[in-house]
Amino acid sequence: MPDKSKSINVNVAVNEHNNRLLTASAKKNGRAKLREAEARLAHHLNVFGADWAQMKVPK
């Protein structure tokens, strides 16, 4: 985890499905949901950096 003295807060909305997944993952990993979200976001950013782009679904 990053140094908390240099952390900022970010509020995000998640749908019910992702909320259930995040809750289950937090429980499995023994973390509060906030810490689970922080860990997952940090992991995603470390793996993909600024180069990630959401796939566009054809209409």
N, C-alpha and C. Protein backbone atom coordinates (compact mmCIF):
# COMPACT_ATOMS: atom_id res chain seq x y z
N MET A 1 0.84 -1.19 0.00
CA MET A 1 0.00 0.00 0.00
C MET A 1 0.88 1.25 0.00
N PRO A 2 0.40 2.28 -0.67
CA PRO A 2 1.16 3.52 -0.69
C PRO A 2 1.18 4.21 0.67
N ASP A 3 2.10 5.15 0.82
CA ASP A 3 2.21 5.95 2.04
C ASP A 3 0.93 6.75 2.22
N LYS A 4 0.23 6.53 3.34
CA LYS A 4 -1.06 7.18 3.59
C LYS A 4 -0.92 8.69 3.72
N SER A 5 0.24 9.18 4.13
CA SER A 5 0.39 10.63 4.28
C SER A 5 0.34 11.34 2.93
N LYS A 6 0.52 10.60 1.85
CA LYS A 6 0.48 11.18 0.51
C LYS A 6 -0.74 10.71 -0.27
N SER A 7 -1.70 10.10 0.39
CA SER A 7 -2.89 9.58 -0.28
C SER A 7 -3.94 10.66 -0.43
N ILE A 8 -4.79 10.47 -1.43
CA ILE A 8 -5.96 11.33 -1.62
C ILE A 8 -7.18 10.43 -1.67
N ASN A 9 -8.35 10.99 -1.52
CA ASN A 9 -9.59 10.23 -1.62
C ASN A 9 -10.21 10.43 -2.99
N VAL A 10 -10.77 9.34 -3.53
CA VAL A 10 -11.48 9.37 -4.80
C VAL A 10 -12.79 8.65 -4.58
N ASN A 11 -13.88 9.28 -4.92
CA ASN A 11 -15.20 8.65 -4.79
C ASN A 11 -15.63 8.12 -6.15
N VAL A 12 -16.08 6.87 -6.17
CA VAL A 12 -16.56 6.26 -7.41
C VAL A 12 -17.89 5.56 -7.15
N ALA A 13 -18.70 5.48 -8.17
CA ALA A 13 -19.94 4.72 -8.10
C ALA A 13 -19.70 3.38 -8.78
N VAL A 14 -20.18 2.31 -8.16
CA VAL A 14 -20.09 0.98 -8.77
C VAL A 14 -21.49 0.38 -8.83
N ASN A 15 -21.70 -0.46 -9.84
CA ASN A 15 -23.01 -1.09 -9.93
C ASN A 15 -23.12 -2.22 -8.90
N GLU A 16 -24.32 -2.76 -8.76
CA GLU A 16 -24.56 -3.78 -7.73
C GLU A 16 -23.68 -5.01 -7.91
N HIS A 17 -23.51 -5.42 -9.15
CA HIS A 17 -22.70 -6.61 -9.43
C HIS A 17 -21.25 -6.40 -8.96
N ASN A 18 -20.65 -5.27 -9.35
CA ASN A 18 -19.27 -5.00 -8.95
C ASN A 18 -19.15 -4.77 -7.45
N ASN A 19 -20.18 -4.20 -6.84
CA ASN A 19 -20.18 -4.03 -5.39
C ASN A 19 -20.14 -5.39 -4.69
N ARG A 20 -20.93 -6.34 -5.19
CA ARG A 20 -20.92 -7.69 -4.60
C ARG A 20 -19.55 -8.35 -4.77
N LEU A 21 -18.96 -8.20 -5.97
CA LEU A 21 -17.63 -8.77 -6.21
C LEU A 21 -16.58 -8.14 -5.29
N LEU A 22 -16.64 -6.83 -5.13
CA LEU A 22 -15.69 -6.13 -4.28
C LEU A 22 -15.86 -6.54 -2.82
N THR A 23 -17.09 -6.67 -2.37
CA THR A 23 -17.37 -7.09 -1.00
C THR A 23 -16.84 -8.51 -0.76
N ALA A 24 -17.11 -9.41 -1.69
CA ALA A 24 -16.64 -10.80 -1.55
C ALA A 24 -15.11 -10.86 -1.56
N SER A 25 -14.50 -10.10 -2.45
CA SER A 25 -13.04 -10.08 -2.53
C SER A 25 -12.42 -9.52 -1.26
N ALA A 26 -13.01 -8.46 -0.73
CA ALA A 26 -12.50 -7.87 0.52
C ALA A 26 -12.58 -8.88 1.65
N LYS A 27 -13.70 -9.58 1.73
CA LYS A 27 -13.87 -10.58 2.79
C LYS A 27 -12.85 -11.70 2.64
N LYS A 28 -12.67 -12.19 1.42
CA LYS A 28 -11.73 -13.28 1.16
C LYS A 28 -10.30 -12.87 1.52
N ASN A 29 -9.96 -11.61 1.25
CA ASN A 29 -8.60 -11.13 1.50
C ASN A 29 -8.40 -10.51 2.88
N GLY A 30 -9.46 -10.50 3.69
CA GLY A 30 -9.35 -9.99 5.05
C GLY A 30 -9.12 -8.49 5.13
N ARG A 31 -9.68 -7.76 4.15
CA ARG A 31 -9.51 -6.31 4.13
C ARG A 31 -10.88 -5.64 4.18
N ALA A 32 -10.89 -4.39 4.61
CA ALA A 32 -12.10 -3.57 4.49
C ALA A 32 -12.32 -3.31 3.00
N LYS A 33 -13.55 -3.06 2.63
CA LYS A 33 -13.87 -2.85 1.21
C LYS A 33 -13.08 -1.66 0.65
N LEU A 34 -12.91 -0.61 1.43
CA LEU A 34 -12.12 0.54 0.99
C LEU A 34 -10.69 0.13 0.66
N ARG A 35 -10.08 -0.67 1.53
CA ARG A 35 -8.70 -1.12 1.31
C ARG A 35 -8.62 -2.08 0.11
N GLU A 36 -9.65 -2.89 -0.07
CA GLU A 36 -9.68 -3.80 -1.22
C GLU A 36 -9.74 -2.99 -2.52
N ALA A 37 -10.59 -1.98 -2.55
CA ALA A 37 -10.69 -1.13 -3.74
C ALA A 37 -9.37 -0.41 -4.00
N GLU A 38 -8.74 0.07 -2.94
CA GLU A 38 -7.44 0.74 -3.07
C GLU A 38 -6.40 -0.21 -3.65
N ALA A 39 -6.34 -1.43 -3.14
CA ALA A 39 -5.36 -2.40 -3.61
C ALA A 39 -5.61 -2.78 -5.06
N ARG A 40 -6.87 -2.96 -5.41
CA ARG A 40 -7.19 -3.35 -6.78
C ARG A 40 -6.92 -2.22 -7.78
N LEU A 41 -7.24 -1.00 -7.40
CA LEU A 41 -6.95 0.13 -8.28
C LEU A 41 -5.44 0.29 -8.46
N ALA A 42 -4.69 0.20 -7.36
CA ALA A 42 -3.24 0.31 -7.44
C ALA A 42 -2.66 -0.78 -8.34
N HIS A 43 -3.15 -2.01 -8.19
CA HIS A 43 -2.67 -3.12 -9.02
C HIS A 43 -2.96 -2.85 -10.49
N HIS A 44 -4.18 -2.44 -10.79
CA HIS A 44 -4.56 -2.18 -12.18
C HIS A 44 -3.67 -1.09 -12.78
N LEU A 45 -3.46 -0.01 -12.03
CA LEU A 45 -2.64 1.09 -12.55
C LEU A 45 -1.18 0.67 -12.71
N ASN A 46 -0.68 -0.16 -11.80
CA ASN A 46 0.70 -0.65 -11.93
C ASN A 46 0.86 -1.59 -13.11
N VAL A 47 -0.15 -2.39 -13.41
CA VAL A 47 -0.08 -3.33 -14.52
C VAL A 47 -0.27 -2.61 -15.86
N PHE A 48 -1.28 -1.75 -15.94
CA PHE A 48 -1.64 -1.14 -17.22
C PHE A 48 -1.16 0.29 -17.40
N GLY A 49 -0.80 0.96 -16.33
CA GLY A 49 -0.34 2.34 -16.44
C GLY A 49 -1.38 3.24 -17.08
N ALA A 50 -0.91 4.22 -17.80
CA ALA A 50 -1.81 5.18 -18.45
C ALA A 50 -2.25 4.70 -19.83
N ASP A 51 -1.78 3.53 -20.27
CA ASP A 51 -2.06 3.06 -21.62
C ASP A 51 -3.36 2.31 -21.78
N TRP A 52 -4.05 2.01 -20.69
CA TRP A 52 -5.27 1.23 -20.76
C TRP A 52 -6.40 2.06 -21.34
N ALA A 53 -7.21 1.42 -22.19
CA ALA A 53 -8.41 2.08 -22.72
C ALA A 53 -9.53 1.06 -22.71
N GLN A 54 -10.71 1.50 -22.31
CA GLN A 54 -11.86 0.60 -22.27
C GLN A 54 -12.22 0.20 -23.69
N MET A 55 -12.50 -1.09 -23.87
CA MET A 55 -12.91 -1.58 -25.19
C MET A 55 -14.24 -0.96 -25.58
N LYS A 56 -14.34 -0.55 -26.83
CA LYS A 56 -15.59 -0.01 -27.33
C LYS A 56 -16.39 -1.15 -27.94
N VAL A 57 -17.62 -1.29 -27.49
CA VAL A 57 -18.49 -2.35 -27.98
C VAL A 57 -19.19 -1.85 -29.24
N PRO A 58 -19.09 -2.60 -30.34
CA PRO A 58 -19.78 -2.17 -31.56
C PRO A 58 -21.28 -2.14 -31.37
N LYS A 59 -21.92 -1.17 -32.00
CA LYS A 59 -23.39 -1.06 -31.89
C LYS A 59 -24.07 -1.96 -32.88
